[in-house]
Amino acid sequence: MVAHRDRPPSAVRSVSAEVLWDGDELLLTFIVEGLEHVALPDRAVPSRTDGLWKTTCCELFLAPPGSDVYFEFNYSPSTQWAAYRFDSYRAGGCDLPLSVEPHVDHESADLAVVRQNLSDLPPGLLQMSLTAVIEETDGTKSYWALAHAPGPPDFHNRATFIATLPVPAHP
């Protein structure tokens, strides 16, 4: 991932993500070089929680090609999470009902390890963006994504959905 040029990190050197998908469940591992400088939220009871993006948070955006509809998932190292469905760019947003809640964990070497079941999403190809808001212990907030559109950080901009969800490892 790359940091937004207008909101660079102070001490964090890089943010990356590993993606594994078996056709229903996605395993995401978010890795930060300089994790010791990240302000980590306190552990909490795993639950759906709004506003996670206001501090250190990892995000996944998915969208069917050719559709205005997209889905946003937020994952906090606290183990809290959120899932939304949007009708179009920042419009018609609502909680996305999930049959299986995601499992989010923070391990000492990784910012977050996430198991996300995707069986509630439309089948077929999905465009993807992986993003992160990183708040450092000195108060610096940086915004990381696979790509950034011109202007201020905006993870909802479809120009940032530059990846495709990989083909399942086990069809």
Protein backbone atom coordinates (compact mmCIF):
# COMPACT_ATOMS: atom_id res chain seq x y z
CA MET A 1 0.00 0.00 0.00
CA VAL A 2 1.05 3.62 -0.39
CA ALA A 3 0.51 6.50 2.02
CA HIS A 4 -1.47 9.49 0.79
CA ARG A 5 1.03 12.20 -0.22
CA ASP A 6 -0.80 14.90 1.79
CA ARG A 7 -1.05 12.76 4.96
CA PRO A 8 2.32 10.96 5.31
CA PRO A 9 3.29 8.85 8.32
CA SER A 10 5.69 10.05 10.98
CA ALA A 11 7.47 6.83 12.01
CA VAL A 12 5.54 4.02 10.27
CA ARG A 13 7.61 2.78 7.32
CA SER A 14 5.07 0.70 5.40
CA VAL A 15 1.66 -0.96 5.45
CA SER A 16 0.90 -4.08 3.45
CA ALA A 17 -1.77 -6.75 3.25
CA GLU A 18 -1.80 -10.43 2.40
CA VAL A 19 -4.97 -11.86 0.85
CA LEU A 20 -6.07 -15.50 0.75
CA TRP A 21 -9.50 -16.53 -0.48
CA ASP A 22 -11.09 -19.98 -0.66
CA GLY A 23 -14.32 -18.92 -2.38
CA ASP A 24 -16.36 -18.04 0.71
CA GLU A 25 -13.93 -16.89 3.38
CA LEU A 26 -11.31 -14.24 2.91
CA LEU A 27 -8.22 -14.22 5.13
CA LEU A 28 -6.63 -10.77 5.34
CA THR A 29 -3.42 -10.04 7.19
CA PHE A 30 -2.49 -6.36 7.58
CA ILE A 31 1.20 -5.81 8.33
CA VAL A 32 2.82 -2.57 9.51
CA GLU A 33 6.54 -1.87 9.57
CA GLY A 34 6.92 0.38 12.57
CA LEU A 35 4.00 -1.19 14.47
CA GLU A 36 5.60 -0.08 17.75
CA HIS A 37 4.71 3.52 16.75
CA VAL A 38 1.01 2.77 16.10
CA ALA A 39 -1.66 3.88 18.56
CA LEU A 40 -3.58 0.65 19.04
CA PRO A 41 -7.13 0.80 20.40
CA ASP A 42 -7.81 -1.19 23.55
CA ARG A 43 -9.13 -4.70 23.07
CA ALA A 44 -12.92 -4.82 23.13
CA VAL A 45 -15.68 -7.36 22.85
CA PRO A 46 -15.91 -8.35 19.16
CA SER A 47 -18.97 -6.48 17.87
CA ARG A 48 -20.33 -4.37 15.02
CA THR A 49 -19.23 -0.80 15.79
CA ASP A 50 -19.48 2.42 13.78
CA GLY A 51 -16.74 5.06 13.57
CA LEU A 52 -13.78 2.68 13.63
CA TRP A 53 -12.09 4.70 10.86
CA LYS A 54 -11.56 7.61 13.29
CA THR A 55 -8.41 5.87 14.58
CA THR A 56 -6.24 2.92 13.56
CA CYS A 57 -8.41 0.76 11.32
CA CYS A 58 -8.01 -1.61 8.36
CA GLU A 59 -10.58 -1.60 5.56
CA LEU A 60 -11.74 -3.69 2.64
CA PHE A 61 -13.87 -2.33 -0.21
CA LEU A 62 -15.50 -4.65 -2.77
CA ALA A 63 -17.66 -3.85 -5.80
CA PRO A 64 -19.17 -5.82 -8.68
CA PRO A 65 -17.75 -4.45 -11.97
CA GLY A 66 -20.20 -2.26 -13.87
CA SER A 67 -22.35 -1.59 -10.80
CA ASP A 68 -22.57 1.51 -8.61
CA VAL A 69 -23.14 -0.73 -5.56
CA TYR A 70 -20.16 -1.39 -3.28
CA PHE A 71 -19.41 -2.84 0.14
CA GLU A 72 -17.18 -1.50 2.90
CA PHE A 73 -15.74 -3.53 5.76
CA ASN A 74 -13.86 -1.92 8.69
CA TYR A 75 -11.64 -3.92 11.04
CA SER A 76 -10.12 -2.58 14.23
CA PRO A 77 -7.21 -4.19 16.09
CA SER A 78 -9.59 -3.90 19.07
CA THR A 79 -11.50 -6.85 17.42
CA GLN A 80 -14.49 -4.64 16.59
CA TRP A 81 -15.75 -4.47 12.99
CA ALA A 82 -18.31 -2.86 10.70
CA ALA A 83 -19.90 -3.78 7.36
CA TYR A 84 -21.82 -1.46 5.04
CA ARG A 85 -23.56 -1.55 1.68
CA PHE A 86 -23.71 1.59 -0.50
CA ASP A 87 -26.03 2.12 -3.49
CA SER A 88 -23.51 4.47 -5.12
CA TYR A 89 -20.61 6.76 -4.18
CA ARG A 90 -21.18 7.59 -0.50
CA ALA A 91 -24.97 7.34 -1.04
CA GLY A 92 -27.57 4.95 0.32
CA GLY A 93 -25.22 3.58 2.96
CA CYS A 94 -26.62 1.07 5.43
CA ASP A 95 -25.45 -1.78 7.62
CA LEU A 96 -24.76 -4.89 5.56
CA PRO A 97 -26.47 -7.90 7.20
CA LEU A 98 -24.00 -10.77 7.58
CA SER A 99 -24.79 -14.46 8.08
CA VAL A 100 -21.36 -14.94 9.63
CA GLU A 101 -19.66 -12.18 11.59
CA PRO A 102 -16.01 -11.51 10.76
CA HIS A 103 -13.31 -12.59 13.15
CA VAL A 104 -10.70 -9.89 13.81
CA ASP A 105 -7.58 -10.43 15.87
CA HIS A 106 -4.48 -8.38 16.63
CA GLU A 107 -1.30 -10.42 16.89
CA SER A 108 1.97 -8.97 18.12
CA ALA A 109 3.60 -9.07 14.68
CA ASP A 110 0.56 -8.02 12.62
CA LEU A 111 -1.81 -5.07 12.91
CA ALA A 112 -4.86 -7.23 12.20
CA VAL A 113 -5.70 -10.73 11.02
CA VAL A 114 -9.22 -10.96 9.64
CA ARG A 115 -11.45 -13.85 8.59
CA GLN A 116 -14.33 -12.46 6.53
CA ASN A 117 -17.04 -14.68 5.07
CA LEU A 118 -18.21 -13.27 1.73
CA SER A 119 -21.18 -15.57 1.06
CA ASP A 120 -23.60 -12.64 1.57
CA LEU A 121 -22.13 -10.72 -1.40
CA PRO A 122 -23.18 -11.15 -5.03
CA PRO A 123 -21.35 -14.03 -6.74
CA GLY A 124 -18.79 -13.33 -9.43
CA LEU A 125 -15.85 -11.07 -9.97
CA LEU A 126 -15.32 -8.28 -7.42
CA GLN A 127 -13.15 -5.19 -7.72
CA MET A 128 -11.21 -4.61 -4.52
CA SER A 129 -9.46 -1.91 -2.54
CA LEU A 130 -7.50 -2.48 0.65
CA THR A 131 -6.94 0.54 2.87
CA ALA A 132 -5.82 1.53 6.35
CA VAL A 133 -6.00 4.53 8.63
CA ILE A 134 -2.92 4.50 10.84
CA GLU A 135 -2.81 6.71 13.92
CA GLU A 136 0.61 6.92 15.49
CA THR A 137 1.42 7.47 19.14
CA ASP A 138 2.50 11.05 18.33
CA GLY A 139 -1.00 11.79 16.91
CA THR A 140 -0.01 11.61 13.22
CA LYS A 141 -2.70 9.99 11.03
CA SER A 142 -1.73 8.55 7.69
CA TYR A 143 -4.03 7.09 5.06
CA TRP A 144 -2.85 4.03 3.14
CA ALA A 145 -4.38 2.42 0.05
CA LEU A 146 -3.48 0.36 -3.00
CA ALA A 147 -3.90 3.64 -4.93
CA HIS A 148 -5.13 7.16 -4.21
CA ALA A 149 -7.33 9.34 -6.42
CA PRO A 150 -6.42 13.04 -6.81
CA GLY A 151 -7.48 15.25 -3.89
CA PRO A 152 -7.81 14.46 -0.19
CA PRO A 153 -7.81 10.82 1.03
CA ASP A 154 -11.04 9.17 -0.18
CA PHE A 155 -11.25 5.40 0.13
CA HIS A 156 -14.78 5.39 -1.37
CA ASN A 157 -13.55 6.68 -4.74
CA ARG A 158 -13.89 3.79 -7.21
CA ALA A 159 -10.65 4.86 -8.90
CA THR A 160 -8.91 3.28 -5.89
CA PHE A 161 -10.54 -0.15 -6.45
CA ILE A 162 -7.58 -1.28 -8.57
CA ALA A 163 -7.34 -4.94 -7.54
CA THR A 164 -9.57 -7.90 -8.30
CA LEU A 165 -10.47 -10.42 -5.63
CA PRO A 166 -8.23 -13.41 -6.41
CA VAL A 167 -9.58 -16.61 -7.89
CA PRO A 168 -10.54 -18.99 -5.04
CA ALA A 169 -7.78 -21.35 -3.97
CA HIS A 170 -10.35 -24.19 -3.68
CA PRO A 171 -13.29 -23.77 -6.09
